[in-house]
Amino acid sequence: MFNYFPAKEDLFFDRGAEAEEHLAAVVRDRAPGTCPVEAVREDLLSDLRENHPMLGLQPGAIAFWQMTSEPPPSSDGLPRPVGPLRAWRSRLPADLS
């Protein structure tokens, strides 16, 4: 497994860099006079119409997002990091600016 994925989280978040680059391109390549929020909104609406897989709205998506956003219980009582999803969320505003 680790020959293909550097960490086990990468099994779930292997397309994170692609998603980040897509959002950056939407903002960077928007039409003159279009605000960044409107460009991202239009892109999202287009993806919703096409049921794009990167949106994570397929059957079973709720279980996936719960599993990846909630920390697993710790046997030693110490808090566990929730992983790349929170890190990605915290980097996103800076990446898009």
N, C-alpha and C. Protein backbone atom coordinates (compact mmCIF):
# COMPACT_ATOMS: atom_id res chain seq x y z
N MET A 1 0.82 -1.18 0.00
CA MET A 1 0.00 0.00 0.00
C MET A 1 0.87 1.26 0.00
N PHE A 2 1.91 1.29 0.82
CA PHE A 2 2.72 2.51 0.94
C PHE A 2 3.62 2.73 -0.27
N ASN A 3 3.66 1.76 -1.20
CA ASN A 3 4.35 2.02 -2.46
C ASN A 3 3.57 3.02 -3.30
N TYR A 4 2.26 3.08 -3.09
CA TYR A 4 1.39 3.94 -3.89
C TYR A 4 0.89 5.16 -3.14
N PHE A 5 0.77 5.06 -1.83
CA PHE A 5 0.25 6.15 -1.01
C PHE A 5 1.22 6.41 0.14
N PRO A 6 1.68 7.66 0.30
CA PRO A 6 2.64 7.96 1.37
C PRO A 6 2.08 7.75 2.77
N ALA A 7 0.78 7.94 2.95
CA ALA A 7 0.13 7.75 4.25
C ALA A 7 -1.24 7.15 4.02
N LYS A 8 -1.78 6.49 5.03
CA LYS A 8 -3.08 5.85 4.84
C LYS A 8 -4.19 6.87 4.54
N GLU A 9 -4.06 8.10 5.02
CA GLU A 9 -5.05 9.14 4.73
C GLU A 9 -5.12 9.44 3.23
N ASP A 10 -4.00 9.22 2.55
CA ASP A 10 -3.97 9.50 1.11
C ASP A 10 -4.84 8.54 0.32
N LEU A 11 -5.24 7.44 0.91
CA LEU A 11 -6.22 6.56 0.26
C LEU A 11 -7.54 7.28 0.07
N PHE A 12 -7.88 8.17 1.00
CA PHE A 12 -9.14 8.91 0.95
C PHE A 12 -8.99 10.27 0.28
N PHE A 13 -7.85 10.91 0.45
CA PHE A 13 -7.66 12.28 0.00
C PHE A 13 -6.61 12.37 -1.10
N ASP A 14 -6.62 11.43 -2.01
CA ASP A 14 -5.61 11.40 -3.06
C ASP A 14 -5.81 12.47 -4.11
N ARG A 15 -6.97 13.12 -4.13
CA ARG A 15 -7.24 14.14 -5.14
C ARG A 15 -7.30 15.55 -4.55
N GLY A 16 -6.80 15.71 -3.35
CA GLY A 16 -6.85 17.02 -2.69
C GLY A 16 -6.10 18.09 -3.45
N ALA A 17 -4.92 17.78 -3.92
CA ALA A 17 -4.13 18.77 -4.66
C ALA A 17 -4.85 19.15 -5.96
N GLU A 18 -5.48 18.17 -6.59
CA GLU A 18 -6.24 18.44 -7.81
C GLU A 18 -7.41 19.38 -7.53
N ALA A 19 -8.10 19.16 -6.42
CA ALA A 19 -9.23 20.03 -6.06
C ALA A 19 -8.76 21.44 -5.74
N GLU A 20 -7.65 21.55 -5.03
CA GLU A 20 -7.11 22.87 -4.70
C GLU A 20 -6.71 23.62 -5.97
N GLU A 21 -6.04 22.93 -6.88
CA GLU A 21 -5.62 23.58 -8.12
C GLU A 21 -6.83 23.98 -8.96
N HIS A 22 -7.86 23.16 -8.96
CA HIS A 22 -9.07 23.49 -9.71
C HIS A 22 -9.69 24.80 -9.19
N LEU A 23 -9.84 24.91 -7.87
CA LEU A 23 -10.41 26.13 -7.29
C LEU A 23 -9.54 27.35 -7.58
N ALA A 24 -8.23 27.17 -7.47
CA ALA A 24 -7.32 28.28 -7.77
C ALA A 24 -7.46 28.70 -9.24
N ALA A 25 -7.59 27.72 -10.15
CA ALA A 25 -7.73 28.03 -11.57
C ALA A 25 -9.05 28.74 -11.86
N VAL A 26 -10.12 28.32 -11.17
CA VAL A 26 -11.41 28.98 -11.35
C VAL A 26 -11.30 30.46 -10.99
N VAL A 27 -10.64 30.75 -9.89
CA VAL A 27 -10.48 32.13 -9.45
C VAL A 27 -9.50 32.88 -10.36
N ARG A 28 -8.40 32.26 -10.66
CA ARG A 28 -7.36 32.91 -11.49
C ARG A 28 -7.84 33.18 -12.92
N ASP A 29 -8.61 32.25 -13.49
CA ASP A 29 -9.00 32.35 -14.89
C ASP A 29 -10.40 32.92 -15.10
N ARG A 30 -10.97 33.52 -14.08
CA ARG A 30 -12.32 34.06 -14.21
C ARG A 30 -12.35 35.22 -15.21
N ALA A 31 -13.52 35.46 -15.76
CA ALA A 31 -13.69 36.54 -16.73
C ALA A 31 -13.44 37.90 -16.07
N PRO A 32 -12.89 38.84 -16.80
CA PRO A 32 -12.68 40.18 -16.24
C PRO A 32 -14.00 40.74 -15.69
N GLY A 33 -13.93 41.33 -14.51
CA GLY A 33 -15.11 41.91 -13.89
C GLY A 33 -15.92 40.93 -13.06
N THR A 34 -15.59 39.65 -13.10
CA THR A 34 -16.30 38.64 -12.30
C THR A 34 -15.61 38.51 -10.95
N CYS A 35 -16.36 38.62 -9.89
CA CYS A 35 -15.75 38.50 -8.57
C CYS A 35 -15.41 37.02 -8.30
N PRO A 36 -14.41 36.76 -7.48
CA PRO A 36 -14.00 35.38 -7.20
C PRO A 36 -15.14 34.51 -6.66
N VAL A 37 -15.97 35.08 -5.80
CA VAL A 37 -17.07 34.30 -5.22
C VAL A 37 -18.04 33.86 -6.31
N GLU A 38 -18.36 34.75 -7.23
CA GLU A 38 -19.27 34.41 -8.32
C GLU A 38 -18.67 33.33 -9.22
N ALA A 39 -17.39 33.41 -9.49
CA ALA A 39 -16.74 32.40 -10.32
C ALA A 39 -16.81 31.03 -9.66
N VAL A 40 -16.52 30.96 -8.37
CA VAL A 40 -16.58 29.69 -7.65
C VAL A 40 -18.01 29.18 -7.58
N ARG A 41 -18.96 30.09 -7.37
CA ARG A 41 -20.38 29.71 -7.31
C ARG A 41 -20.83 29.09 -8.63
N GLU A 42 -20.49 29.72 -9.75
CA GLU A 42 -20.89 29.20 -11.05
C GLU A 42 -20.25 27.84 -11.33
N ASP A 43 -19.00 27.69 -10.92
CA ASP A 43 -18.32 26.41 -11.09
C ASP A 43 -19.00 25.32 -10.25
N LEU A 44 -19.35 25.67 -9.03
CA LEU A 44 -20.03 24.71 -8.15
C LEU A 44 -21.39 24.32 -8.73
N LEU A 45 -22.16 25.29 -9.21
CA LEU A 45 -23.46 24.98 -9.79
C LEU A 45 -23.32 24.08 -11.02
N SER A 46 -22.30 24.31 -11.82
CA SER A 46 -22.04 23.45 -12.97
C SER A 46 -21.73 22.03 -12.52
N ASP A 47 -20.86 21.91 -11.50
CA ASP A 47 -20.52 20.58 -10.98
C ASP A 47 -21.74 19.88 -10.38
N LEU A 48 -22.62 20.64 -9.74
CA LEU A 48 -23.83 20.05 -9.18
C LEU A 48 -24.74 19.51 -10.29
N ARG A 49 -24.88 20.28 -11.36
CA ARG A 49 -25.71 19.81 -12.49
C ARG A 49 -25.16 18.52 -13.09
N GLU A 50 -23.85 18.40 -13.11
CA GLU A 50 -23.20 17.22 -13.70
C GLU A 50 -22.98 16.10 -12.68
N ASN A 51 -23.34 16.34 -11.41
CA ASN A 51 -23.09 15.37 -10.33
C ASN A 51 -21.62 14.92 -10.34
N HIS A 52 -20.74 15.92 -10.38
CA HIS A 52 -19.30 15.66 -10.45
C HIS A 52 -18.84 14.86 -9.23
N PRO A 53 -18.04 13.81 -9.44
CA PRO A 53 -17.62 12.96 -8.32
C PRO A 53 -16.78 13.68 -7.26
N MET A 54 -16.10 14.77 -7.64
CA MET A 54 -15.29 15.48 -6.64
C MET A 54 -16.14 16.15 -5.56
N LEU A 55 -17.44 16.31 -5.81
CA LEU A 55 -18.31 16.91 -4.80
C LEU A 55 -18.63 15.95 -3.66
N GLY A 56 -18.49 14.67 -3.90
CA GLY A 56 -18.74 13.69 -2.85
C GLY A 56 -20.21 13.54 -2.50
N LEU A 57 -21.08 13.59 -3.49
CA LEU A 57 -22.52 13.49 -3.24
C LEU A 57 -23.09 12.14 -3.68
N GLN A 58 -22.24 11.18 -3.96
CA GLN A 58 -22.71 9.88 -4.37
C GLN A 58 -23.23 9.09 -3.16
N PRO A 59 -23.95 7.99 -3.42
CA PRO A 59 -24.42 7.16 -2.30
C PRO A 59 -23.25 6.77 -1.39
N GLY A 60 -23.47 6.83 -0.11
CA GLY A 60 -22.43 6.51 0.86
C GLY A 60 -21.58 7.69 1.26
N ALA A 61 -21.82 8.85 0.68
CA ALA A 61 -20.98 10.02 0.96
C ALA A 61 -21.08 10.48 2.40
N ILE A 62 -22.26 10.39 2.99
CA ILE A 62 -22.41 10.85 4.38
C ILE A 62 -21.51 10.03 5.31
N ALA A 63 -21.50 8.73 5.14
CA ALA A 63 -20.64 7.88 5.98
C ALA A 63 -19.17 8.21 5.77
N PHE A 64 -18.79 8.46 4.51
CA PHE A 64 -17.40 8.81 4.22
C PHE A 64 -17.00 10.09 4.94
N TRP A 65 -17.83 11.16 4.80
CA TRP A 65 -17.47 12.44 5.41
C TRP A 65 -17.49 12.36 6.93
N GLN A 66 -18.37 11.56 7.51
CA GLN A 66 -18.36 11.39 8.96
C GLN A 66 -17.07 10.70 9.39
N MET A 67 -16.68 9.67 8.66
CA MET A 67 -15.48 8.92 9.01
C MET A 67 -14.23 9.79 8.88
N THR A 68 -14.19 10.65 7.89
CA THR A 68 -12.98 11.43 7.66
C THR A 68 -12.93 12.75 8.43
N SER A 69 -14.05 13.19 8.99
CA SER A 69 -14.03 14.46 9.70
C SER A 69 -14.11 14.31 11.21
N GLU A 70 -14.44 13.15 11.70
CA GLU A 70 -14.51 12.91 13.14
C GLU A 70 -13.31 12.09 13.57
N PRO A 71 -12.63 12.52 14.61
CA PRO A 71 -11.47 11.74 15.05
C PRO A 71 -11.91 10.39 15.61
N PRO A 72 -11.13 9.34 15.36
CA PRO A 72 -11.46 8.04 15.93
C PRO A 72 -11.25 8.06 17.43
N PRO A 73 -11.94 7.20 18.15
CA PRO A 73 -11.72 7.15 19.60
C PRO A 73 -10.29 6.73 19.91
N SER A 74 -9.77 7.29 20.97
CA SER A 74 -8.40 7.00 21.37
C SER A 74 -8.41 6.04 22.55
N SER A 75 -7.62 5.00 22.48
CA SER A 75 -7.57 4.03 23.58
C SER A 75 -6.77 4.56 24.76
N ASP A 76 -5.89 5.54 24.52
CA ASP A 76 -5.07 6.07 25.61
C ASP A 76 -5.62 7.37 26.20
N GLY A 77 -6.77 7.83 25.70
CA GLY A 77 -7.40 9.03 26.23
C GLY A 77 -6.83 10.33 25.70
N LEU A 78 -5.80 10.26 24.86
CA LEU A 78 -5.20 11.47 24.30
C LEU A 78 -5.98 11.89 23.06
N PRO A 79 -6.06 13.20 22.82
CA PRO A 79 -6.77 13.64 21.61
C PRO A 79 -6.02 13.21 20.36
N ARG A 80 -6.77 12.92 19.32
CA ARG A 80 -6.18 12.52 18.05
C ARG A 80 -6.41 13.60 17.00
N PRO A 81 -5.46 13.80 16.13
CA PRO A 81 -5.70 14.76 15.04
C PRO A 81 -6.71 14.19 14.06
N VAL A 82 -7.47 15.04 13.44
CA VAL A 82 -8.46 14.58 12.47
C VAL A 82 -7.89 14.47 11.07
N GLY A 83 -6.67 14.88 10.87
CA GLY A 83 -6.01 14.60 9.62
C GLY A 83 -6.10 15.68 8.56
N PRO A 84 -5.96 15.26 7.32
CA PRO A 84 -5.76 16.20 6.23
C PRO A 84 -6.97 17.08 5.91
N LEU A 85 -8.18 16.64 6.25
CA LEU A 85 -9.35 17.45 5.92
C LEU A 85 -9.32 18.78 6.66
N ARG A 86 -9.02 18.77 7.94
CA ARG A 86 -8.94 20.04 8.68
C ARG A 86 -7.76 20.88 8.20
N ALA A 87 -6.65 20.23 7.90
CA ALA A 87 -5.49 20.99 7.40
C ALA A 87 -5.83 21.66 6.09
N TRP A 88 -6.52 20.95 5.21
CA TRP A 88 -6.91 21.52 3.92
C TRP A 88 -7.86 22.69 4.12
N ARG A 89 -8.84 22.53 5.00
CA ARG A 89 -9.78 23.63 5.26
C ARG A 89 -9.06 24.87 5.78
N SER A 90 -8.07 24.69 6.61
CA SER A 90 -7.38 25.85 7.18
C SER A 90 -6.48 26.53 6.14
N ARG A 91 -5.98 25.79 5.14
CA ARG A 91 -5.10 26.38 4.11
C ARG A 91 -5.89 27.03 2.99
N LEU A 92 -7.13 26.64 2.78
CA LEU A 92 -7.88 27.05 1.60
C LEU A 92 -7.97 28.57 1.42
N PRO A 93 -8.32 29.35 2.44
CA PRO A 93 -8.41 30.81 2.19
C PRO A 93 -7.10 31.40 1.69
N ALA A 94 -5.99 31.01 2.25
CA ALA A 94 -4.71 31.54 1.81
C ALA A 94 -4.37 31.07 0.39
N ASP A 95 -4.71 29.81 0.08
CA ASP A 95 -4.41 29.28 -1.25
C ASP A 95 -5.20 30.00 -2.33
N LEU A 96 -6.39 30.47 -2.01
CA LEU A 96 -7.23 31.12 -3.01
C LEU A 96 -6.98 32.63 -3.12
N SER A 97 -6.21 33.18 -2.21
CA SER A 97 -5.98 34.62 -2.27
C SER A 97 -4.83 34.98 -3.20
